Amino acid sequence: VSYPNSKSRHLVEMSRKLVSDFGGEVPSTTEELTTLPGVGRKT
């Protein structure tokens, strides 16, 4: 895929923050989602 190095890093960092801050669940608000590495407003 495009930019595989940065995306690989973001996926791991995002997953770790989901586990540490949200109990492994994906939040449902813009404010919470955009705290995740690699996740901007569009995503």
Full PDB file with SEQRES, HELIX, SHEET, SSBOND, CRYST1, ORIGX, SCALE, CONECT and MASTER records, all heavy atoms in Angstrom:
SEQRES   1 A   43  VAL SER TYR PRO ASN SER LYS SER ARG HIS LEU VAL GLU          
SEQRES   2 A   43  MET SER ARG LYS LEU VAL SER ASP PHE GLY GLY GLU VAL          
SEQRES   3 A   43  PRO SER THR THR GLU GLU LEU THR THR LEU PRO GLY VAL          
SEQRES   4 A   43  GLY ARG LYS THR                                              
HELIX    1 AA1 PRO A    4  PHE A   22  1                                  19    
HELIX    2 AA2 THR A   30  LEU A   33  1                                   4    
CRYST1    1.000    1.000    1.000  90.00  90.00  90.00 P 1           1          
ORIGX1      1.000000  0.000000  0.000000        0.00000                         
ORIGX2      0.000000  1.000000  0.000000        0.00000                         
ORIGX3      0.000000  0.000000  1.000000        0.00000                         
SCALE1      1.000000  0.000000  0.000000        0.00000                         
SCALE2      0.000000  1.000000  0.000000        0.00000                         
SCALE3      0.000000  0.000000  1.000000        0.00000                         
ATOM      1  N   VAL A   1       0.849  -1.188   0.000  1.00  0.00           N  
ATOM      2  CA  VAL A   1       0.000   0.000   0.000  1.00  0.00           C  
ATOM      3  C   VAL A   1       0.886   1.240   0.000  1.00  0.00           C  
ATOM      4  O   VAL A   1       2.102   1.163   0.186  1.00  0.00           O  
ATOM      5  CB  VAL A   1      -0.963   0.019   1.210  1.00  0.00           C  
ATOM      6  CG1 VAL A   1      -1.716  -1.294   1.317  1.00  0.00           C  
ATOM      7  CG2 VAL A   1      -0.224   0.327   2.504  1.00  0.00           C  
ATOM      8  N   SER A   2       0.289   2.408  -0.196  1.00  0.00           N  
ATOM      9  CA  SER A   2       1.062   3.646  -0.149  1.00  0.00           C  
ATOM     10  C   SER A   2       1.522   3.936   1.276  1.00  0.00           C  
ATOM     11  O   SER A   2       0.821   3.639   2.240  1.00  0.00           O  
ATOM     12  CB  SER A   2       0.202   4.803  -0.660  1.00  0.00           C  
ATOM     13  OG  SER A   2      -0.967   4.925   0.130  1.00  0.00           O  
ATOM     14  N   TYR A   3       2.713   4.475   1.404  1.00  0.00           N  
ATOM     15  CA  TYR A   3       3.303   4.862   2.697  1.00  0.00           C  
ATOM     16  C   TYR A   3       3.209   3.741   3.739  1.00  0.00           C  
ATOM     17  O   TYR A   3       2.704   3.936   4.844  1.00  0.00           O  
ATOM     18  CB  TYR A   3       2.630   6.123   3.226  1.00  0.00           C  
ATOM     19  CG  TYR A   3       2.630   7.252   2.221  1.00  0.00           C  
ATOM     20  CD1 TYR A   3       1.458   7.591   1.532  1.00  0.00           C  
ATOM     21  CD2 TYR A   3       3.798   7.960   1.936  1.00  0.00           C  
ATOM     22  CE1 TYR A   3       1.466   8.614   0.585  1.00  0.00           C  
ATOM     23  CE2 TYR A   3       3.800   8.983   0.999  1.00  0.00           C  
ATOM     24  CZ  TYR A   3       2.639   9.304   0.328  1.00  0.00           C  
ATOM     25  OH  TYR A   3       2.656  10.306  -0.598  1.00  0.00           O  
ATOM     26  N   PRO A   4       3.701   2.553   3.411  1.00  0.00           N  
ATOM     27  CA  PRO A   4       3.538   1.409   4.310  1.00  0.00           C  
ATOM     28  C   PRO A   4       4.259   1.564   5.649  1.00  0.00           C  
ATOM     29  O   PRO A   4       3.786   1.049   6.670  1.00  0.00           O  
ATOM     30  CB  PRO A   4       4.104   0.242   3.502  1.00  0.00           C  
ATOM     31  CG  PRO A   4       5.078   0.876   2.563  1.00  0.00           C  
ATOM     32  CD  PRO A   4       4.457   2.198   2.198  1.00  0.00           C  
ATOM     33  N   ASN A   5       5.396   2.250   5.667  1.00  0.00           N  
ATOM     34  CA  ASN A   5       6.125   2.395   6.924  1.00  0.00           C  
ATOM     35  C   ASN A   5       5.351   3.213   7.942  1.00  0.00           C  
ATOM     36  O   ASN A   5       5.166   2.797   9.092  1.00  0.00           O  
ATOM     37  CB  ASN A   5       7.499   3.038   6.670  1.00  0.00           C  
ATOM     38  CG  ASN A   5       8.465   2.095   5.985  1.00  0.00           C  
ATOM     39  OD1 ASN A   5       8.824   1.060   6.526  1.00  0.00           O  
ATOM     40  ND2 ASN A   5       8.893   2.447   4.787  1.00  0.00           N  
ATOM     41  N   SER A   6       4.865   4.382   7.525  1.00  0.00           N  
ATOM     42  CA  SER A   6       4.130   5.235   8.457  1.00  0.00           C  
ATOM     43  C   SER A   6       2.788   4.614   8.830  1.00  0.00           C  
ATOM     44  O   SER A   6       2.354   4.699   9.988  1.00  0.00           O  
ATOM     45  CB  SER A   6       3.925   6.631   7.866  1.00  0.00           C  
ATOM     46  OG  SER A   6       3.186   6.571   6.657  1.00  0.00           O  
ATOM     47  N   LYS A   7       2.148   3.944   7.886  1.00  0.00           N  
ATOM     48  CA  LYS A   7       0.853   3.327   8.179  1.00  0.00           C  
ATOM     49  C   LYS A   7       1.008   2.148   9.130  1.00  0.00           C  
ATOM     50  O   LYS A   7       0.162   1.945  10.015  1.00  0.00           O  
ATOM     51  CB  LYS A   7       0.154   2.909   6.881  1.00  0.00           C  
ATOM     52  CG  LYS A   7      -0.355   4.096   6.062  1.00  0.00           C  
ATOM     53  CD  LYS A   7      -1.017   3.660   4.773  1.00  0.00           C  
ATOM     54  CE  LYS A   7      -1.542   4.862   3.991  1.00  0.00           C  
ATOM     55  NZ  LYS A   7      -2.186   4.469   2.708  1.00  0.00           N  
ATOM     56  N   SER A   8       2.075   1.378   8.978  1.00  0.00           N  
ATOM     57  CA  SER A   8       2.337   0.267   9.901  1.00  0.00           C  
ATOM     58  C   SER A   8       2.522   0.806  11.312  1.00  0.00           C  
ATOM     59  O   SER A   8       1.991   0.254  12.286  1.00  0.00           O  
ATOM     60  CB  SER A   8       3.586  -0.499   9.469  1.00  0.00           C  
ATOM     61  OG  SER A   8       3.424  -1.080   8.197  1.00  0.00           O  
ATOM     62  N   ARG A   9       3.277   1.878  11.426  1.00  0.00           N  
ATOM     63  CA  ARG A   9       3.513   2.485  12.736  1.00  0.00           C  
ATOM     64  C   ARG A   9       2.213   3.020  13.330  1.00  0.00           C  
ATOM     65  O   ARG A   9       1.934   2.817  14.518  1.00  0.00           O  
ATOM     66  CB  ARG A   9       4.540   3.608  12.604  1.00  0.00           C  
ATOM     67  CG  ARG A   9       4.964   4.209  13.954  1.00  0.00           C  
ATOM     68  CD  ARG A   9       6.007   5.288  13.787  1.00  0.00           C  
ATOM     69  NE  ARG A   9       5.466   6.495  13.169  1.00  0.00           N  
ATOM     70  CZ  ARG A   9       5.671   6.862  11.917  1.00  0.00           C  
ATOM     71  NH1 ARG A   9       6.411   6.105  11.123  1.00  0.00           N  
ATOM     72  NH2 ARG A   9       5.144   7.975  11.430  1.00  0.00           N  
ATOM     73  N   HIS A  10       1.434   3.695  12.510  1.00  0.00           N  
ATOM     74  CA  HIS A  10       0.173   4.251  12.999  1.00  0.00           C  
ATOM     75  C   HIS A  10      -0.782   3.162  13.467  1.00  0.00           C  
ATOM     76  O   HIS A  10      -1.471   3.316  14.484  1.00  0.00           O  
ATOM     77  CB  HIS A  10      -0.498   5.088  11.906  1.00  0.00           C  
ATOM     78  CG  HIS A  10       0.132   6.426  11.720  1.00  0.00           C  
ATOM     79  ND1 HIS A  10       0.151   7.079  10.502  1.00  0.00           N  
ATOM     80  CD2 HIS A  10       0.774   7.246  12.586  1.00  0.00           C  
ATOM     81  CE1 HIS A  10       0.776   8.234  10.636  1.00  0.00           C  
ATOM     82  NE2 HIS A  10       1.169   8.352  11.873  1.00  0.00           N  
ATOM     83  N   LEU A  11      -0.842   2.066  12.736  1.00  0.00           N  
ATOM     84  CA  LEU A  11      -1.749   0.978  13.117  1.00  0.00           C  
ATOM     85  C   LEU A  11      -1.387   0.412  14.483  1.00  0.00           C  
ATOM     86  O   LEU A  11      -2.269   0.168  15.318  1.00  0.00           O  
ATOM     87  CB  LEU A  11      -1.728  -0.131  12.065  1.00  0.00           C  
ATOM     88  CG  LEU A  11      -2.452   0.157  10.749  1.00  0.00           C  
ATOM     89  CD1 LEU A  11      -2.254  -1.000   9.774  1.00  0.00           C  
ATOM     90  CD2 LEU A  11      -3.934   0.412  10.974  1.00  0.00           C  
ATOM     91  N   VAL A  12      -0.104   0.225  14.729  1.00  0.00           N  
ATOM     92  CA  VAL A  12       0.326  -0.307  16.024  1.00  0.00           C  
ATOM     93  C   VAL A  12       0.076   0.712  17.130  1.00  0.00           C  
ATOM     94  O   VAL A  12      -0.484   0.383  18.192  1.00  0.00           O  
ATOM     95  CB  VAL A  12       1.817  -0.701  15.973  1.00  0.00           C  
ATOM     96  CG1 VAL A  12       2.321  -1.038  17.375  1.00  0.00           C  
ATOM     97  CG2 VAL A  12       2.015  -1.891  15.046  1.00  0.00           C  
ATOM     98  N   GLU A  13       0.456   1.965  16.889  1.00  0.00           N  
ATOM     99  CA  GLU A  13       0.263   3.007  17.901  1.00  0.00           C  
ATOM    100  C   GLU A  13      -1.218   3.238  18.175  1.00  0.00           C  
ATOM    101  O   GLU A  13      -1.623   3.440  19.327  1.00  0.00           O  
ATOM    102  CB  GLU A  13       0.940   4.295  17.451  1.00  0.00           C  
ATOM    103  CG  GLU A  13       2.459   4.197  17.395  1.00  0.00           C  
ATOM    104  CD  GLU A  13       3.099   5.435  16.801  1.00  0.00           C  
ATOM    105  OE1 GLU A  13       2.362   6.290  16.256  1.00  0.00           O  
ATOM    106  OE2 GLU A  13       4.338   5.563  16.874  1.00  0.00           O  
ATOM    107  N   MET A  14      -2.032   3.223  17.120  1.00  0.00           N  
ATOM    108  CA  MET A  14      -3.469   3.383  17.264  1.00  0.00           C  
ATOM    109  C   MET A  14      -4.051   2.256  18.112  1.00  0.00           C  
ATOM    110  O   MET A  14      -4.861   2.481  19.017  1.00  0.00           O  
ATOM    111  CB  MET A  14      -4.135   3.400  15.890  1.00  0.00           C  
ATOM    112  CG  MET A  14      -5.658   3.456  15.907  1.00  0.00           C  
ATOM    113  SD  MET A  14      -6.331   3.141  14.266  1.00  0.00           S  
ATOM    114  CE  MET A  14      -6.096   1.374  14.127  1.00  0.00           C  
ATOM    115  N   SER A  15      -3.623   1.026  17.830  1.00  0.00           N  
ATOM    116  CA  SER A  15      -4.134  -0.128  18.563  1.00  0.00           C  
ATOM    117  C   SER A  15      -3.746  -0.058  20.039  1.00  0.00           C  
ATOM    118  O   SER A  15      -4.555  -0.363  20.927  1.00  0.00           O  
ATOM    119  CB  SER A  15      -3.589  -1.426  17.946  1.00  0.00           C  
ATOM    120  OG  SER A  15      -4.020  -1.561  16.608  1.00  0.00           O  
ATOM    121  N   ARG A  16      -2.542   0.352  20.304  1.00  0.00           N  
ATOM    122  CA  ARG A  16      -2.098   0.456  21.696  1.00  0.00           C  
ATOM    123  C   ARG A  16      -2.871   1.520  22.460  1.00  0.00           C  
ATOM    124  O   ARG A  16      -3.196   1.340  23.632  1.00  0.00           O  
ATOM    125  CB  ARG A  16      -0.589   0.736  21.731  1.00  0.00           C  
ATOM    126  CG  ARG A  16       0.234  -0.471  21.274  1.00  0.00           C  
ATOM    127  CD  ARG A  16       1.721  -0.170  21.164  1.00  0.00           C  
ATOM    128  NE  ARG A  16       2.450  -1.376  20.750  1.00  0.00           N  
ATOM    129  CZ  ARG A  16       3.736  -1.400  20.442  1.00  0.00           C  
ATOM    130  NH1 ARG A  16       4.456  -0.279  20.482  1.00  0.00           N  
ATOM    131  NH2 ARG A  16       4.319  -2.542  20.077  1.00  0.00           N  
ATOM    132  N   LYS A  17      -3.196   2.621  21.786  1.00  0.00           N  
ATOM    133  CA  LYS A  17      -3.980   3.665  22.446  1.00  0.00           C  
ATOM    134  C   LYS A  17      -5.430   3.211  22.651  1.00  0.00           C  
ATOM    135  O   LYS A  17      -6.054   3.534  23.666  1.00  0.00           O  
ATOM    136  CB  LYS A  17      -3.942   4.970  21.648  1.00  0.00           C  
ATOM    137  CG  LYS A  17      -4.539   6.168  22.410  1.00  0.00           C  
ATOM    138  CD  LYS A  17      -4.258   7.463  21.711  1.00  0.00           C  
ATOM    139  CE  LYS A  17      -4.813   8.651  22.489  1.00  0.00           C  
ATOM    140  NZ  LYS A  17      -4.153   8.824  23.815  1.00  0.00           N  
ATOM    141  N   LEU A  18      -5.960   2.448  21.695  1.00  0.00           N  
ATOM    142  CA  LEU A  18      -7.302   1.895  21.873  1.00  0.00           C  
ATOM    143  C   LEU A  18      -7.350   1.007  23.118  1.00  0.00           C  
ATOM    144  O   LEU A  18      -8.310   1.065  23.897  1.00  0.00           O  
ATOM    145  CB  LEU A  18      -7.716   1.080  20.643  1.00  0.00           C  
ATOM    146  CG  LEU A  18      -8.157   1.852  19.405  1.00  0.00           C  
ATOM    147  CD1 LEU A  18      -8.394   0.899  18.238  1.00  0.00           C  
ATOM    148  CD2 LEU A  18      -9.423   2.658  19.680  1.00  0.00           C  
ATOM    149  N   VAL A  19      -6.313   0.201  23.303  1.00  0.00           N  
ATOM    150  CA  VAL A  19      -6.262  -0.696  24.457  1.00  0.00           C  
ATOM    151  C   VAL A  19      -6.074   0.093  25.751  1.00  0.00           C  
ATOM    152  O   VAL A  19      -6.778  -0.126  26.743  1.00  0.00           O  
ATOM    153  CB  VAL A  19      -5.138  -1.733  24.289  1.00  0.00           C  
ATOM    154  CG1 VAL A  19      -4.956  -2.540  25.574  1.00  0.00           C  
ATOM    155  CG2 VAL A  19      -5.454  -2.668  23.127  1.00  0.00           C  
ATOM    156  N   SER A  20      -5.151   1.042  25.751  1.00  0.00           N  
ATOM    157  CA  SER A  20      -4.831   1.761  26.984  1.00  0.00           C  
ATOM    158  C   SER A  20      -5.898   2.769  27.392  1.00  0.00           C  
ATOM    159  O   SER A  20      -6.168   2.951  28.582  1.00  0.00           O  
ATOM    160  CB  SER A  20      -3.485   2.486  26.839  1.00  0.00           C  
ATOM    161  OG  SER A  20      -3.552   3.488  25.832  1.00  0.00           O  
ATOM    162  N   ASP A  21      -6.538   3.416  26.402  1.00  0.00           N  
ATOM    163  CA  ASP A  21      -7.474   4.497  26.714  1.00  0.00           C  
ATOM    164  C   ASP A  21      -8.943   4.127  26.543  1.00  0.00           C  
ATOM    165  O   ASP A  21      -9.808   4.769  27.146  1.00  0.00           O  
ATOM    166  CB  ASP A  21      -7.187   5.711  25.829  1.00  0.00           C  
ATOM    167  CG  ASP A  21      -5.849   6.367  26.141  1.00  0.00           C  
ATOM    168  OD1 ASP A  21      -5.051   5.758  26.885  1.00  0.00           O  
ATOM    169  OD2 ASP A  21      -5.591   7.476  25.636  1.00  0.00           O  
ATOM    170  N   PHE A  22      -9.226   3.105  25.745  1.00  0.00           N  
ATOM    171  CA  PHE A  22     -10.626   2.804  25.428  1.00  0.00           C  
ATOM    172  C   PHE A  22     -10.979   1.332  25.621  1.00  0.00           C  
ATOM    173  O   PHE A  22     -11.997   0.859  25.104  1.00  0.00           O  
ATOM    174  CB  PHE A  22     -10.947   3.231  23.989  1.00  0.00           C  
ATOM    175  CG  PHE A  22     -10.720   4.691  23.715  1.00  0.00           C  
ATOM    176  CD1 PHE A  22      -9.570   5.110  23.051  1.00  0.00           C  
ATOM    177  CD2 PHE A  22     -11.623   5.643  24.150  1.00  0.00           C  
ATOM    178  CE1 PHE A  22      -9.337   6.456  22.807  1.00  0.00           C  
ATOM    179  CE2 PHE A  22     -11.406   6.994  23.905  1.00  0.00           C  
ATOM    180  CZ  PHE A  22     -10.264   7.409  23.237  1.00  0.00           C  
ATOM    181  N   GLY A  23     -10.168   0.612  26.360  1.00  0.00           N  
ATOM    182  CA  GLY A  23     -10.459  -0.786  26.631  1.00  0.00           C  
ATOM    183  C   GLY A  23     -10.497  -1.661  25.401  1.00  0.00           C  
ATOM    184  O   GLY A  23     -11.145  -2.714  25.389  1.00  0.00           O  
ATOM    185  N   GLY A  24      -9.803  -1.240  24.346  1.00  0.00           N  
ATOM    186  CA  GLY A  24      -9.767  -2.027  23.116  1.00  0.00           C  
ATOM    187  C   GLY A  24     -10.934  -1.776  22.174  1.00  0.00           C  
ATOM    188  O   GLY A  24     -10.985  -2.359  21.090  1.00  0.00           O  
ATOM    189  N   GLU A  25     -11.871  -0.909  22.584  1.00  0.00           N  
ATOM    190  CA  GLU A  25     -13.040  -0.614  21.755  1.00  0.00           C  
ATOM    191  C   GLU A  25     -12.832   0.677  20.968  1.00  0.00           C  
ATOM    192  O   GLU A  25     -12.133   1.591  21.420  1.00  0.00           O  
ATOM    193  CB  GLU A  25     -14.288  -0.483  22.639  1.00  0.00           C  
ATOM    194  CG  GLU A  25     -14.613  -1.737  23.444  1.00  0.00           C  
ATOM    195  CD  GLU A  25     -14.883  -2.943  22.567  1.00  0.00           C  
ATOM    196  OE1 GLU A  25     -15.560  -2.773  21.534  1.00  0.00           O  
ATOM    197  OE2 GLU A  25     -14.421  -4.047  22.908  1.00  0.00           O  
ATOM    198  N   VAL A  26     -13.456   0.761  19.809  1.00  0.00           N  
ATOM    199  CA  VAL A  26     -13.350   1.952  18.972  1.00  0.00           C  
ATOM    200  C   VAL A  26     -14.363   2.983  19.441  1.00  0.00           C  
ATOM    201  O   VAL A  26     -15.566   2.696  19.488  1.00  0.00           O  
ATOM    202  CB  VAL A  26     -13.591   1.616  17.492  1.00  0.00           C  
ATOM    203  CG1 VAL A  26     -13.575   2.889  16.645  1.00  0.00           C  
ATOM    204  CG2 VAL A  26     -12.547   0.629  16.996  1.00  0.00           C  
ATOM    205  N   PRO A  27     -13.937   4.188  19.815  1.00  0.00           N  
ATOM    206  CA  PRO A  27     -14.878   5.218  20.277  1.00  0.00           C  
ATOM    207  C   PRO A  27     -15.753   5.736  19.145  1.00  0.00           C  
ATOM    208  O   PRO A  27     -15.493   5.446  17.963  1.00  0.00           O  
ATOM    209  CB  PRO A  27     -13.959   6.312  20.818  1.00  0.00           C  
ATOM    210  CG  PRO A  27     -12.688   6.145  20.040  1.00  0.00           C  
ATOM    211  CD  PRO A  27     -12.545   4.662  19.825  1.00  0.00           C  
ATOM    212  N   SER A  28     -16.754   6.532  19.476  1.00  0.00           N  
ATOM    213  CA  SER A  28     -17.742   6.939  18.476  1.00  0.00           C  
ATOM    214  C   SER A  28     -17.830   8.441  18.256  1.00  0.00           C  
ATOM    215  O   SER A  28     -18.706   8.902  17.527  1.00  0.00           O  
ATOM    216  CB  SER A  28     -19.127   6.424  18.884  1.00  0.00           C  
ATOM    217  OG  SER A  28     -19.524   7.002  20.129  1.00  0.00           O  
ATOM    218  N   THR A  29     -16.939   9.229  18.853  1.00  0.00           N  
ATOM    219  CA  THR A  29     -16.996  10.677  18.663  1.00  0.00           C  
ATOM    220  C   THR A  29     -15.760  11.175  17.933  1.00  0.00           C  
ATOM    221  O   THR A  29     -14.688  10.569  17.999  1.00  0.00           O  
ATOM    222  CB  THR A  29     -17.106  11.418  20.005  1.00  0.00           C  
ATOM    223  OG1 THR A  29     -15.861  11.272  20.730  1.00  0.00           O  
ATOM    224  CG2 THR A  29     -18.254  10.874  20.845  1.00  0.00           C  
ATOM    225  N   THR A  30     -15.911  12.308  17.269  1.00  0.00           N  
ATOM    226  CA  THR A  30     -14.787  12.913  16.563  1.00  0.00           C  
ATOM    227  C   THR A  30     -13.650  13.225  17.525  1.00  0.00           C  
ATOM    228  O   THR A  30     -12.478  12.971  17.227  1.00  0.00           O  
ATOM    229  CB  THR A  30     -15.235  14.207  15.863  1.00  0.00           C  
ATOM    230  OG1 THR A  30     -16.275  13.910  14.930  1.00  0.00           O  
ATOM    231  CG2 THR A  30     -14.074  14.865  15.126  1.00  0.00           C  
ATOM    232  N   GLU A  31     -14.015  13.773  18.677  1.00  0.00           N  
ATOM    233  CA  GLU A  31     -13.007  14.184  19.652  1.00  0.00           C  
ATOM    234  C   GLU A  31     -12.158  12.988  20.101  1.00  0.00           C  
ATOM    235  O   GLU A  31     -10.931  13.092  20.213  1.00  0.00           O  
ATOM    236  CB  GLU A  31     -13.676  14.835  20.855  1.00  0.00           C  
ATOM    237  CG  GLU A  31     -14.351  16.169  20.573  1.00  0.00           C  
ATOM    238  CD  GLU A  31     -15.638  16.042  19.767  1.00  0.00           C  
ATOM    239  OE1 GLU A  31     -16.257  14.955  19.787  1.00  0.00           O  
ATOM    240  OE2 GLU A  31     -16.016  17.027  19.102  1.00  0.00           O  
ATOM    241  N   GLU A  32     -12.790  11.873  20.362  1.00  0.00           N  
ATOM    242  CA  GLU A  32     -12.062  10.689  20.814  1.00  0.00           C  
ATOM    243  C   GLU A  32     -11.301  10.025  19.674  1.00  0.00           C  
ATOM    244  O   GLU A  32     -10.132   9.641  19.831  1.00  0.00           O  
ATOM    245  CB  GLU A  32     -13.039   9.691  21.444  1.00  0.00           C  
ATOM    246  CG  GLU A  32     -13.651  10.159  22.750  1.00  0.00           C  
ATOM    247  CD  GLU A  32     -14.736   9.219  23.235  1.00  0.00           C  
ATOM    248  OE1 GLU A  32     -15.572   8.790  22.405  1.00  0.00           O  
ATOM    249  OE2 GLU A  32     -14.751   8.920  24.438  1.00  0.00           O  
ATOM    250  N   LEU A  33     -11.947   9.886  18.535  1.00  0.00           N  
ATOM    251  CA  LEU A  33     -11.307   9.212  17.405  1.00  0.00           C  
ATOM    252  C   LEU A  33     -10.044   9.934  16.946  1.00  0.00           C  
ATOM    253  O   LEU A  33      -9.044   9.302  16.611  1.00  0.00           O  
ATOM    254  CB  LEU A  33     -12.296   9.087  16.243  1.00  0.00           C  
ATOM    255  CG  LEU A  33     -13.382   8.016  16.396  1.00  0.00           C  
ATOM    256  CD1 LEU A  33     -14.507   8.251  15.407  1.00  0.00           C  
ATOM    257  CD2 LEU A  33     -12.782   6.621  16.210  1.00  0.00           C  
ATOM    258  N   THR A  34     -10.083  11.256  16.942  1.00  0.00           N  
ATOM    259  CA  THR A  34      -8.934  12.006  16.438  1.00  0.00           C  
ATOM    260  C   THR A  34      -7.785  12.072  17.442  1.00  0.00           C  
ATOM    261  O   THR A  34      -6.736  12.663  17.135  1.00  0.00           O  
ATOM    262  CB  THR A  34      -9.342  13.427  16.010  1.00  0.00           C  
ATOM    263  OG1 THR A  34     -10.055  14.071  17.079  1.00  0.00           O  
ATOM    264  CG2 THR A  34     -10.216  13.385  14.764  1.00  0.00           C  
ATOM    265  N   THR A  35      -7.947  11.473  18.611  1.00  0.00           N  
ATOM    266  CA  THR A  35      -6.803  11.336  19.516  1.00  0.00           C  
ATOM    267  C   THR A  35      -5.951  10.134  19.135  1.00  0.00           C  
ATOM    268  O   THR A  35      -4.829   9.975  19.631  1.00  0.00           O  
ATOM    269  CB  THR A  35      -7.247  11.171  20.986  1.00  0.00           C  
ATOM    270  OG1 THR A  35      -7.928   9.916  21.148  1.00  0.00           O  
ATOM    271  CG2 THR A  35      -8.139  12.321  21.426  1.00  0.00           C  
ATOM    272  N   LEU A  36      -6.470   9.286  18.267  1.00  0.00           N  
ATOM    273  CA  LEU A  36      -5.756   8.077  17.865  1.00  0.00           C  
ATOM    274  C   LEU A  36      -4.701   8.399  16.809  1.00  0.00           C  
ATOM    275  O   LEU A  36      -4.973   9.146  15.862  1.00  0.00           O  
ATOM    276  CB  LEU A  36      -6.741   7.047  17.306  1.00  0.00           C  
ATOM    277  CG  LEU A  36      -7.858   6.590  18.248  1.00  0.00           C  
ATOM    278  CD1 LEU A  36      -8.867   5.733  17.495  1.00  0.00           C  
ATOM    279  CD2 LEU A  36      -7.277   5.815  19.432  1.00  0.00           C  
ATOM    280  N   PRO A  37      -3.495   7.869  16.931  1.00  0.00           N  
ATOM    281  CA  PRO A  37      -2.452   8.106  15.940  1.00  0.00           C  
ATOM    282  C   PRO A  37      -2.905   7.733  14.530  1.00  0.00           C  
ATOM    283  O   PRO A  37      -3.476   6.667  14.311  1.00  0.00           O  
ATOM    284  CB  PRO A  37      -1.308   7.194  16.407  1.00  0.00           C  
ATOM    285  CG  PRO A  37      -1.513   7.083  17.887  1.00  0.00           C  
ATOM    286  CD  PRO A  37      -3.008   7.038  18.059  1.00  0.00           C  
ATOM    287  N   GLY A  38      -2.661   8.645  13.594  1.00  0.00           N  
ATOM    288  CA  GLY A  38      -2.999   8.390  12.200  1.00  0.00           C  
ATOM    289  C   GLY A  38      -4.444   8.652  11.828  1.00  0.00           C  
ATOM    290  O   GLY A  38      -4.816   8.517  10.660  1.00  0.00           O  
ATOM    291  N   VAL A  39      -5.273   9.032  12.806  1.00  0.00           N  
ATOM    292  CA  VAL A  39      -6.700   9.239  12.538  1.00  0.00           C  
ATOM    293  C   VAL A  39      -7.018  10.734  12.516  1.00  0.00           C  
ATOM    294  O   VAL A  39      -6.898  11.423  13.536  1.00  0.00           O  
ATOM    295  CB  VAL A  39      -7.582   8.538  13.597  1.00  0.00           C  
ATOM    296  CG1 VAL A  39      -9.064   8.829  13.345  1.00  0.00           C  
ATOM    297  CG2 VAL A  39      -7.318   7.039  13.575  1.00  0.00           C  
ATOM    298  N   GLY A  40      -7.398  11.222  11.344  1.00  0.00           N  
ATOM    299  CA  GLY A  40      -7.807  12.610  11.201  1.00  0.00           C  
ATOM    300  C   GLY A  40      -9.322  12.715  11.102  1.00  0.00           C  
ATOM    301  O   GLY A  40     -10.041  11.727  11.265  1.00  0.00           O  
ATOM    302  N   ARG A  41      -9.792  13.895  10.800  1.00  0.00           N  
ATOM    303  CA  ARG A  41     -11.236  14.151  10.761  1.00  0.00           C  
ATOM    304  C   ARG A  41     -11.938  13.307   9.696  1.00  0.00           C  
ATOM    305  O   ARG A  41     -13.022  12.794   9.926  1.00  0.00           O  
ATOM    306  CB  ARG A  41     -11.493  15.637  10.511  1.00  0.00           C  
ATOM    307  CG  ARG A  41     -12.975  16.018  10.595  1.00  0.00           C  
ATOM    308  CD  ARG A  41     -13.193  17.500  10.402  1.00  0.00           C  
ATOM    309  NE  ARG A  41     -14.607  17.820  10.532  1.00  0.00           N  
ATOM    310  CZ  ARG A  41     -15.208  18.106  11.682  1.00  0.00           C  
ATOM    311  NH1 ARG A  41     -14.510  18.105  12.796  1.00  0.00           N  
ATOM    312  NH2 ARG A  41     -16.499  18.362  11.711  1.00  0.00           N  
ATOM    313  N   LYS A  42     -11.287  13.153   8.538  1.00  0.00           N  
ATOM    314  CA  LYS A  42     -11.919  12.374   7.465  1.00  0.00           C  
ATOM    315  C   LYS A  42     -12.159  10.934   7.901  1.00  0.00           C  
ATOM    316  O   LYS A  42     -13.256  10.397   7.743  1.00  0.00           O  
ATOM    317  CB  LYS A  42     -11.040  12.404   6.211  1.00  0.00           C  
ATOM    318  CG  LYS A  42     -11.642  11.654   5.026  1.00  0.00           C  
ATOM    319  CD  LYS A  42     -10.666  11.575   3.868  1.00  0.00           C  
ATOM    320  CE  LYS A  42      -9.572  10.580   4.131  1.00  0.00           C  
ATOM    321  NZ  LYS A  42      -8.685  10.364   2.957  1.00  0.00           N  
ATOM    322  N   THR A  43     -11.132  10.305   8.462  1.00  0.00           N  
ATOM    323  CA  THR A  43     -11.273   8.924   8.926  1.00  0.00           C  
ATOM    324  C   THR A  43     -12.307   8.822  10.041  1.00  0.00           C  
ATOM    325  O   THR A  43     -13.123   7.897  10.065  1.00  0.00           O  
ATOM    326  CB  THR A  43      -9.912   8.390   9.419  1.00  0.00           C  
ATOM    327  OG1 THR A  43      -8.995   8.390   8.322  1.00  0.00           O  
ATOM    328  CG2 THR A  43     -10.033   6.976   9.960  1.00  0.00           C  
TER     329      THR A  43                                                      
MASTER        0    0    0    2    0    0    0    6  328    1    0    4          
END                                                                             
